[in-house]
Amino acid sequence: MASEASCWYFAYGSNMNVRRMEDRVRRRGIERKLGYIQDYKMVFNKLASESKGTGYANIIPQSGAIVYGVLYKLTEKEMKTLDKYERVDEGHYQRKKLEITVEENEQVTAYVYVALRTKEGLRPTQDYLKCIIEGAKENGLPQDYIQQLETLETVQAA
């Protein structure tokens, strides 16, 4: 695998959960580091197909806002595997390249999933938000950001 080209992927939602990511790409010990996107806000407006009123994580431009997350170093094959989970071919998310800030204000270009099927007024389920918070905690995201996540209103899964 060392000879295979790699790229950075920035996870801001449930893929911050390391076990989930490792299971999805079928590889343990993925290189990762913390980062954030400036002038973006995380929202839960990605329409969940299986129930009404629930939304998945998405990011939208908003001046002055910050979205924290985890950068994973993946192969292009692993990115294509993630595309299937994120339903890129079905038009649910698109993969975009954005500049991510990491330690010492270094900039890294990474793939980020941005939702295409959105609706206002959606909320995450308790289990989905719990997965995001677990990922935020295990990766050491800033405590005030985790506290913001913990105060979000959720809905019961249908």
N, C-alpha and C. Protein backbone atom coordinates (compact mmCIF):
# COMPACT_ATOMS: atom_id res chain seq x y z
N MET A 1 0.81 -1.19 0.00
CA MET A 1 0.00 0.00 0.00
C MET A 1 0.86 1.26 0.00
N ALA A 2 2.07 1.20 0.45
CA ALA A 2 2.93 2.37 0.54
C ALA A 2 3.15 3.03 -0.82
N SER A 3 3.11 2.24 -1.90
CA SER A 3 3.34 2.80 -3.22
C SER A 3 2.08 3.44 -3.80
N GLU A 4 0.93 3.17 -3.20
CA GLU A 4 -0.32 3.73 -3.69
C GLU A 4 -0.43 5.20 -3.28
N ALA A 5 -0.87 6.05 -4.22
CA ALA A 5 -0.99 7.48 -3.94
C ALA A 5 -1.98 7.72 -2.82
N SER A 6 -1.67 8.70 -1.99
CA SER A 6 -2.57 9.00 -0.88
C SER A 6 -3.06 10.44 -0.98
N CYS A 7 -4.13 10.70 -0.23
CA CYS A 7 -4.71 12.03 -0.18
C CYS A 7 -5.29 12.23 1.22
N TRP A 8 -5.61 13.46 1.55
CA TRP A 8 -6.22 13.76 2.83
C TRP A 8 -7.72 13.86 2.67
N TYR A 9 -8.43 13.32 3.65
CA TYR A 9 -9.88 13.42 3.73
C TYR A 9 -10.22 14.06 5.07
N PHE A 10 -11.08 15.08 5.06
CA PHE A 10 -11.47 15.77 6.28
C PHE A 10 -12.86 15.33 6.71
N ALA A 11 -12.95 14.69 7.87
CA ALA A 11 -14.22 14.23 8.43
C ALA A 11 -14.68 15.21 9.50
N TYR A 12 -15.92 15.65 9.41
CA TYR A 12 -16.48 16.57 10.40
C TYR A 12 -17.72 15.99 11.08
N GLY A 13 -18.23 14.89 10.58
CA GLY A 13 -19.43 14.26 11.13
C GLY A 13 -19.10 12.92 11.76
N SER A 14 -19.93 11.93 11.49
CA SER A 14 -19.76 10.62 12.14
C SER A 14 -18.48 9.90 11.74
N ASN A 15 -17.87 10.28 10.62
CA ASN A 15 -16.60 9.65 10.23
C ASN A 15 -15.43 10.11 11.10
N MET A 16 -15.65 11.05 12.00
CA MET A 16 -14.61 11.38 12.98
C MET A 16 -14.41 10.20 13.92
N ASN A 17 -15.41 9.37 14.07
CA ASN A 17 -15.34 8.18 14.91
C ASN A 17 -14.36 7.21 14.25
N VAL A 18 -13.22 6.99 14.89
CA VAL A 18 -12.12 6.23 14.28
C VAL A 18 -12.55 4.81 13.91
N ARG A 19 -13.26 4.13 14.79
CA ARG A 19 -13.68 2.76 14.49
C ARG A 19 -14.58 2.72 13.25
N ARG A 20 -15.49 3.68 13.14
CA ARG A 20 -16.37 3.75 11.97
C ARG A 20 -15.54 3.92 10.70
N MET A 21 -14.56 4.83 10.73
CA MET A 21 -13.73 5.05 9.54
C MET A 21 -12.93 3.81 9.20
N GLU A 22 -12.32 3.21 10.22
CA GLU A 22 -11.51 2.01 9.97
C GLU A 22 -12.37 0.88 9.40
N ASP A 23 -13.57 0.73 9.91
CA ASP A 23 -14.48 -0.30 9.38
C ASP A 23 -14.87 0.00 7.94
N ARG A 24 -15.12 1.27 7.65
CA ARG A 24 -15.56 1.63 6.30
C ARG A 24 -14.49 1.41 5.24
N VAL A 25 -13.25 1.73 5.56
CA VAL A 25 -12.18 1.56 4.57
C VAL A 25 -11.41 0.26 4.77
N ARG A 26 -11.82 -0.51 5.77
CA ARG A 26 -11.24 -1.83 6.05
C ARG A 26 -9.73 -1.77 6.28
N ARG A 27 -9.32 -0.79 7.12
CA ARG A 27 -7.91 -0.67 7.47
C ARG A 27 -7.80 -0.05 8.85
N ARG A 28 -6.92 -0.62 9.66
CA ARG A 28 -6.68 -0.11 11.01
C ARG A 28 -5.44 0.79 11.01
N GLY A 29 -5.38 1.67 11.98
CA GLY A 29 -4.19 2.51 12.14
C GLY A 29 -4.01 3.57 11.09
N ILE A 30 -5.09 4.15 10.62
CA ILE A 30 -5.02 5.20 9.59
C ILE A 30 -4.34 6.44 10.19
N GLU A 31 -3.39 6.99 9.46
CA GLU A 31 -2.76 8.24 9.91
C GLU A 31 -3.82 9.33 9.96
N ARG A 32 -3.83 10.09 11.07
CA ARG A 32 -4.82 11.14 11.20
C ARG A 32 -4.28 12.30 12.03
N LYS A 33 -4.88 13.46 11.83
CA LYS A 33 -4.55 14.63 12.63
C LYS A 33 -5.74 15.57 12.66
N LEU A 34 -5.73 16.45 13.64
CA LEU A 34 -6.82 17.40 13.81
C LEU A 34 -6.68 18.55 12.84
N GLY A 35 -7.82 19.12 12.48
CA GLY A 35 -7.82 20.29 11.63
C GLY A 35 -9.13 21.03 11.74
N TYR A 36 -9.20 22.14 11.04
CA TYR A 36 -10.46 22.88 11.01
C TYR A 36 -10.58 23.66 9.71
N ILE A 37 -11.82 23.95 9.36
CA ILE A 37 -12.13 24.76 8.19
C ILE A 37 -12.66 26.09 8.70
N GLN A 38 -12.06 27.17 8.23
CA GLN A 38 -12.52 28.49 8.60
C GLN A 38 -13.63 28.94 7.66
N ASP A 39 -14.52 29.76 8.19
CA ASP A 39 -15.62 30.35 7.43
C ASP A 39 -16.61 29.31 6.91
N TYR A 40 -16.75 28.20 7.66
CA TYR A 40 -17.78 27.20 7.41
C TYR A 40 -18.43 26.86 8.73
N LYS A 41 -19.68 26.42 8.67
CA LYS A 41 -20.44 26.01 9.85
C LYS A 41 -20.99 24.61 9.60
N MET A 42 -20.98 23.76 10.65
CA MET A 42 -21.60 22.45 10.52
C MET A 42 -23.08 22.58 10.84
N VAL A 43 -23.90 22.00 9.98
CA VAL A 43 -25.35 21.98 10.15
C VAL A 43 -25.83 20.54 9.93
N PHE A 44 -27.08 20.29 10.24
CA PHE A 44 -27.65 18.94 10.05
C PHE A 44 -28.80 19.02 9.05
N ASN A 45 -28.51 19.57 7.88
CA ASN A 45 -29.55 19.76 6.87
C ASN A 45 -29.48 18.74 5.74
N LYS A 46 -28.62 17.74 5.85
CA LYS A 46 -28.56 16.68 4.82
C LYS A 46 -29.72 15.74 5.08
N LEU A 47 -30.65 15.69 4.16
CA LEU A 47 -31.86 14.89 4.29
C LEU A 47 -31.53 13.41 4.46
N ALA A 48 -31.97 12.84 5.57
CA ALA A 48 -31.80 11.41 5.82
C ALA A 48 -32.90 10.69 5.06
N SER A 49 -32.54 9.70 4.27
CA SER A 49 -33.52 9.05 3.40
C SER A 49 -34.49 8.13 4.14
N GLU A 50 -34.06 7.62 5.32
CA GLU A 50 -34.88 6.61 5.97
C GLU A 50 -35.96 7.13 6.89
N SER A 51 -35.93 8.39 7.26
CA SER A 51 -36.99 8.89 8.13
C SER A 51 -37.18 10.38 7.95
N LYS A 52 -38.31 10.86 8.39
CA LYS A 52 -38.63 12.28 8.25
C LYS A 52 -38.14 13.08 9.46
N GLY A 53 -37.67 14.29 9.20
CA GLY A 53 -37.27 15.18 10.27
C GLY A 53 -35.85 15.01 10.76
N THR A 54 -35.14 13.98 10.26
CA THR A 54 -33.77 13.77 10.72
C THR A 54 -32.79 14.18 9.63
N GLY A 55 -31.66 14.72 10.09
CA GLY A 55 -30.66 15.18 9.15
C GLY A 55 -29.27 14.70 9.52
N TYR A 56 -28.44 14.59 8.50
CA TYR A 56 -27.04 14.24 8.68
C TYR A 56 -26.20 15.50 8.60
N ALA A 57 -24.96 15.39 9.03
CA ALA A 57 -24.04 16.52 9.06
C ALA A 57 -23.71 17.01 7.66
N ASN A 58 -23.55 18.32 7.57
CA ASN A 58 -23.16 18.99 6.34
C ASN A 58 -22.42 20.26 6.76
N ILE A 59 -21.71 20.85 5.83
CA ILE A 59 -21.09 22.14 6.10
C ILE A 59 -21.59 23.15 5.10
N ILE A 60 -21.74 24.39 5.58
CA ILE A 60 -22.16 25.49 4.72
C ILE A 60 -21.25 26.69 5.00
N PRO A 61 -21.02 27.52 3.98
CA PRO A 61 -20.19 28.71 4.21
C PRO A 61 -20.86 29.64 5.22
N GLN A 62 -20.06 30.14 6.17
CA GLN A 62 -20.53 31.17 7.10
C GLN A 62 -19.31 31.91 7.63
N SER A 63 -19.26 33.18 7.31
CA SER A 63 -18.13 34.01 7.70
C SER A 63 -17.92 33.98 9.22
N GLY A 64 -16.66 33.75 9.62
CA GLY A 64 -16.31 33.76 11.03
C GLY A 64 -16.51 32.44 11.76
N ALA A 65 -17.19 31.49 11.16
CA ALA A 65 -17.45 30.19 11.80
C ALA A 65 -16.27 29.25 11.58
N ILE A 66 -16.21 28.20 12.40
CA ILE A 66 -15.16 27.18 12.29
C ILE A 66 -15.78 25.80 12.44
N VAL A 67 -15.36 24.87 11.60
CA VAL A 67 -15.76 23.47 11.72
C VAL A 67 -14.50 22.67 12.03
N TYR A 68 -14.48 22.02 13.19
CA TYR A 68 -13.36 21.16 13.56
C TYR A 68 -13.62 19.75 13.06
N GLY A 69 -12.53 19.03 12.84
CA GLY A 69 -12.67 17.65 12.39
C GLY A 69 -11.35 16.92 12.37
N VAL A 70 -11.37 15.79 11.70
CA VAL A 70 -10.22 14.89 11.66
C VAL A 70 -9.79 14.69 10.21
N LEU A 71 -8.51 14.88 9.96
CA LEU A 71 -7.92 14.56 8.66
C LEU A 71 -7.42 13.12 8.69
N TYR A 72 -7.82 12.35 7.69
CA TYR A 72 -7.35 10.97 7.54
C TYR A 72 -6.55 10.89 6.25
N LYS A 73 -5.43 10.19 6.29
CA LYS A 73 -4.63 9.98 5.07
C LYS A 73 -5.10 8.67 4.45
N LEU A 74 -5.76 8.77 3.30
CA LEU A 74 -6.36 7.62 2.63
C LEU A 74 -5.82 7.46 1.22
N THR A 75 -5.98 6.26 0.70
CA THR A 75 -5.66 6.02 -0.71
C THR A 75 -6.87 6.43 -1.55
N GLU A 76 -6.64 6.60 -2.84
CA GLU A 76 -7.75 6.94 -3.73
C GLU A 76 -8.79 5.81 -3.74
N LYS A 77 -8.33 4.57 -3.63
CA LYS A 77 -9.27 3.44 -3.55
C LYS A 77 -10.15 3.55 -2.31
N GLU A 78 -9.55 3.92 -1.20
CA GLU A 78 -10.33 4.10 0.04
C GLU A 78 -11.31 5.26 -0.10
N MET A 79 -10.92 6.32 -0.80
CA MET A 79 -11.83 7.44 -1.04
C MET A 79 -13.03 6.97 -1.87
N LYS A 80 -12.78 6.12 -2.84
CA LYS A 80 -13.89 5.60 -3.66
C LYS A 80 -14.82 4.73 -2.83
N THR A 81 -14.25 4.00 -1.87
CA THR A 81 -15.07 3.21 -0.95
C THR A 81 -15.95 4.15 -0.11
N LEU A 82 -15.37 5.24 0.37
CA LEU A 82 -16.15 6.22 1.14
C LEU A 82 -17.22 6.87 0.28
N ASP A 83 -16.91 7.12 -0.99
CA ASP A 83 -17.91 7.68 -1.90
C ASP A 83 -19.18 6.84 -1.90
N LYS A 84 -19.01 5.52 -1.83
CA LYS A 84 -20.18 4.62 -1.81
C LYS A 84 -20.98 4.80 -0.52
N TYR A 85 -20.29 4.90 0.62
CA TYR A 85 -20.98 5.12 1.89
C TYR A 85 -21.72 6.45 1.90
N GLU A 86 -21.11 7.47 1.30
CA GLU A 86 -21.70 8.81 1.29
C GLU A 86 -22.67 8.99 0.11
N ARG A 87 -22.81 7.97 -0.70
CA ARG A 87 -23.77 7.93 -1.81
C ARG A 87 -23.56 9.06 -2.82
N VAL A 88 -22.29 9.26 -3.15
CA VAL A 88 -21.91 10.30 -4.10
C VAL A 88 -22.55 10.04 -5.47
N ASP A 89 -22.50 8.80 -5.94
CA ASP A 89 -23.07 8.46 -7.26
C ASP A 89 -24.58 8.68 -7.32
N GLU A 90 -25.24 8.67 -6.16
CA GLU A 90 -26.69 8.87 -6.10
C GLU A 90 -27.05 10.34 -5.87
N GLY A 91 -26.03 11.21 -5.81
CA GLY A 91 -26.28 12.63 -5.67
C GLY A 91 -26.57 13.11 -4.25
N HIS A 92 -26.19 12.33 -3.25
CA HIS A 92 -26.42 12.76 -1.86
C HIS A 92 -25.36 13.76 -1.40
N TYR A 93 -24.10 13.45 -1.67
CA TYR A 93 -22.99 14.33 -1.33
C TYR A 93 -22.11 14.49 -2.56
N GLN A 94 -21.36 15.56 -2.59
CA GLN A 94 -20.30 15.71 -3.58
C GLN A 94 -18.99 15.83 -2.83
N ARG A 95 -17.96 15.37 -3.47
CA ARG A 95 -16.62 15.45 -2.88
C ARG A 95 -15.95 16.71 -3.42
N LYS A 96 -15.55 17.60 -2.50
CA LYS A 96 -14.89 18.84 -2.88
C LYS A 96 -13.52 18.91 -2.23
N LYS A 97 -12.64 19.72 -2.80
CA LYS A 97 -11.34 19.99 -2.17
C LYS A 97 -11.42 21.34 -1.48
N LEU A 98 -11.04 21.35 -0.19
CA LEU A 98 -11.01 22.58 0.59
C LEU A 98 -9.70 22.67 1.35
N GLU A 99 -9.35 23.89 1.74
CA GLU A 99 -8.15 24.11 2.54
C GLU A 99 -8.49 23.91 4.01
N ILE A 100 -7.73 23.03 4.66
CA ILE A 100 -7.91 22.71 6.07
C ILE A 100 -6.69 23.24 6.82
N THR A 101 -6.93 23.87 7.95
CA THR A 101 -5.83 24.36 8.79
C THR A 101 -5.51 23.31 9.84
N VAL A 102 -4.22 23.00 9.97
CA VAL A 102 -3.76 22.05 10.98
C VAL A 102 -2.79 22.79 11.90
N GLU A 103 -2.11 22.06 12.78
CA GLU A 103 -1.22 22.70 13.75
C GLU A 103 -0.24 23.67 13.09
N GLU A 104 0.14 24.68 13.86
CA GLU A 104 1.07 25.72 13.39
C GLU A 104 0.54 26.49 12.18
N ASN A 105 -0.79 26.51 12.02
CA ASN A 105 -1.45 27.22 10.92
C ASN A 105 -1.04 26.72 9.53
N GLU A 106 -0.56 25.50 9.45
CA GLU A 106 -0.25 24.88 8.16
C GLU A 106 -1.57 24.61 7.43
N GLN A 107 -1.55 24.79 6.12
CA GLN A 107 -2.73 24.52 5.29
C GLN A 107 -2.54 23.20 4.54
N VAL A 108 -3.58 22.38 4.55
CA VAL A 108 -3.58 21.10 3.84
C VAL A 108 -4.82 21.08 2.95
N THR A 109 -4.64 20.69 1.70
CA THR A 109 -5.79 20.52 0.82
C THR A 109 -6.34 19.12 1.03
N ALA A 110 -7.65 19.04 1.30
CA ALA A 110 -8.26 17.75 1.60
C ALA A 110 -9.62 17.63 0.92
N TYR A 111 -10.04 16.39 0.70
CA TYR A 111 -11.39 16.13 0.22
C TYR A 111 -12.36 16.28 1.38
N VAL A 112 -13.50 16.88 1.09
CA VAL A 112 -14.57 17.07 2.07
C VAL A 112 -15.88 16.75 1.37
N TYR A 113 -16.78 16.07 2.07
CA TYR A 113 -18.11 15.80 1.50
C TYR A 113 -19.06 16.93 1.86
N VAL A 114 -19.74 17.47 0.84
CA VAL A 114 -20.72 18.52 1.00
C VAL A 114 -22.05 18.01 0.44
N ALA A 115 -23.09 18.12 1.24
CA ALA A 115 -24.40 17.56 0.87
C ALA A 115 -25.05 18.32 -0.27
N LEU A 116 -25.73 17.57 -1.12
CA LEU A 116 -26.49 18.15 -2.22
C LEU A 116 -27.99 18.11 -1.95
N ARG A 117 -28.45 17.10 -1.22
CA ARG A 117 -29.87 16.97 -0.89
C ARG A 117 -30.10 17.51 0.53
N THR A 118 -30.55 18.75 0.60
CA THR A 118 -30.67 19.40 1.90
C THR A 118 -32.10 19.90 2.12
N LYS A 119 -32.40 20.12 3.39
CA LYS A 119 -33.70 20.65 3.80
C LYS A 119 -33.52 21.34 5.14
N GLU A 120 -34.12 22.47 5.30
CA GLU A 120 -34.01 23.20 6.57
C GLU A 120 -34.90 22.56 7.62
N GLY A 121 -34.56 22.80 8.89
CA GLY A 121 -35.38 22.33 10.00
C GLY A 121 -35.14 20.89 10.43
N LEU A 122 -34.09 20.25 9.92
CA LEU A 122 -33.79 18.87 10.30
C LEU A 122 -32.92 18.85 11.55
N ARG A 123 -32.95 17.73 12.27
CA ARG A 123 -32.10 17.55 13.45
C ARG A 123 -31.51 16.14 13.41
N PRO A 124 -30.35 15.97 14.04
CA PRO A 124 -29.74 14.63 14.08
C PRO A 124 -30.47 13.73 15.08
N THR A 125 -30.36 12.42 14.86
CA THR A 125 -30.87 11.49 15.86
C THR A 125 -29.90 11.47 17.04
N GLN A 126 -30.37 11.00 18.18
CA GLN A 126 -29.51 10.91 19.36
C GLN A 126 -28.31 10.02 19.08
N ASP A 127 -28.53 8.86 18.45
CA ASP A 127 -27.44 7.92 18.18
C ASP A 127 -26.41 8.50 17.21
N TYR A 128 -26.88 9.19 16.18
CA TYR A 128 -25.97 9.79 15.20
C TYR A 128 -25.11 10.86 15.86
N LEU A 129 -25.74 11.74 16.65
CA LEU A 129 -24.99 12.78 17.32
C LEU A 129 -24.01 12.19 18.33
N LYS A 130 -24.41 11.12 19.01
CA LYS A 130 -23.53 10.44 19.97
C LYS A 130 -22.27 9.94 19.27
N CYS A 131 -22.42 9.40 18.07
CA CYS A 131 -21.29 8.91 17.28
C CYS A 131 -20.33 10.06 16.94
N ILE A 132 -20.89 11.21 16.58
CA ILE A 132 -20.07 12.38 16.26
C ILE A 132 -19.32 12.85 17.50
N ILE A 133 -20.02 12.94 18.63
CA ILE A 133 -19.40 13.40 19.87
C ILE A 133 -18.30 12.44 20.32
N GLU A 134 -18.54 11.13 20.20
CA GLU A 134 -17.50 10.15 20.55
C GLU A 134 -16.26 10.37 19.70
N GLY A 135 -16.44 10.60 18.40
CA GLY A 135 -15.31 10.86 17.51
C GLY A 135 -14.59 12.14 17.88
N ALA A 136 -15.35 13.16 18.25
CA ALA A 136 -14.74 14.44 18.65
C ALA A 136 -13.90 14.26 19.91
N LYS A 137 -14.42 13.50 20.87
CA LYS A 137 -13.70 13.28 22.13
C LYS A 137 -12.46 12.42 21.91
N GLU A 138 -12.59 11.32 21.18
CA GLU A 138 -11.45 10.42 21.03
C GLU A 138 -10.31 11.05 20.24
N ASN A 139 -10.62 12.05 19.43
CA ASN A 139 -9.59 12.74 18.65
C ASN A 139 -9.11 14.03 19.29
N GLY A 140 -9.67 14.37 20.44
CA GLY A 140 -9.20 15.54 21.17
C GLY A 140 -9.58 16.88 20.57
N LEU A 141 -10.77 16.97 19.98
CA LEU A 141 -11.23 18.26 19.49
C LEU A 141 -11.40 19.22 20.67
N PRO A 142 -11.38 20.52 20.42
CA PRO A 142 -11.50 21.49 21.53
C PRO A 142 -12.76 21.25 22.37
N GLN A 143 -12.60 21.38 23.69
CA GLN A 143 -13.69 21.09 24.62
C GLN A 143 -14.91 21.98 24.37
N ASP A 144 -14.69 23.25 24.04
CA ASP A 144 -15.85 24.12 23.80
C ASP A 144 -16.63 23.69 22.56
N TYR A 145 -15.94 23.14 21.57
CA TYR A 145 -16.62 22.64 20.37
C TYR A 145 -17.44 21.40 20.72
N ILE A 146 -16.87 20.52 21.53
CA ILE A 146 -17.59 19.32 21.97
C ILE A 146 -18.83 19.73 22.77
N GLN A 147 -18.68 20.72 23.63
CA GLN A 147 -19.83 21.19 24.42
C GLN A 147 -20.93 21.75 23.53
N GLN A 148 -20.56 22.44 22.45
CA GLN A 148 -21.55 22.93 21.50
C GLN A 148 -22.32 21.75 20.89
N LEU A 149 -21.59 20.70 20.52
CA LEU A 149 -22.23 19.51 19.95
C LEU A 149 -23.20 18.88 20.97
N GLU A 150 -22.77 18.84 22.22
CA GLU A 150 -23.58 18.19 23.26
C GLU A 150 -24.88 18.95 23.55
N THR A 151 -24.96 20.22 23.18
CA THR A 151 -26.17 21.00 23.44
C THR A 151 -27.14 20.98 22.26
N LEU A 152 -26.79 20.34 21.14
CA LEU A 152 -27.67 20.32 19.98
C LEU A 152 -28.94 19.53 20.26
N GLU A 153 -30.03 20.02 19.73
CA GLU A 153 -31.32 19.34 19.87
C GLU A 153 -31.35 18.15 18.91
N THR A 154 -31.85 17.04 19.41
CA THR A 154 -31.94 15.82 18.60
C THR A 154 -33.38 15.35 18.48
N VAL A 155 -33.57 14.35 17.62
CA VAL A 155 -34.87 13.69 17.51
C VAL A 155 -34.68 12.21 17.77
N GLN A 156 -35.71 11.56 18.22
CA GLN A 156 -35.68 10.10 18.42
C GLN A 156 -35.71 9.45 17.05
N ALA A 157 -34.94 8.37 16.92
CA ALA A 157 -34.96 7.63 15.66
C ALA A 157 -36.34 7.01 15.47
N ALA A 158 -36.81 7.00 14.23
CA ALA A 158 -38.15 6.47 13.94
C ALA A 158 -38.20 4.96 14.08
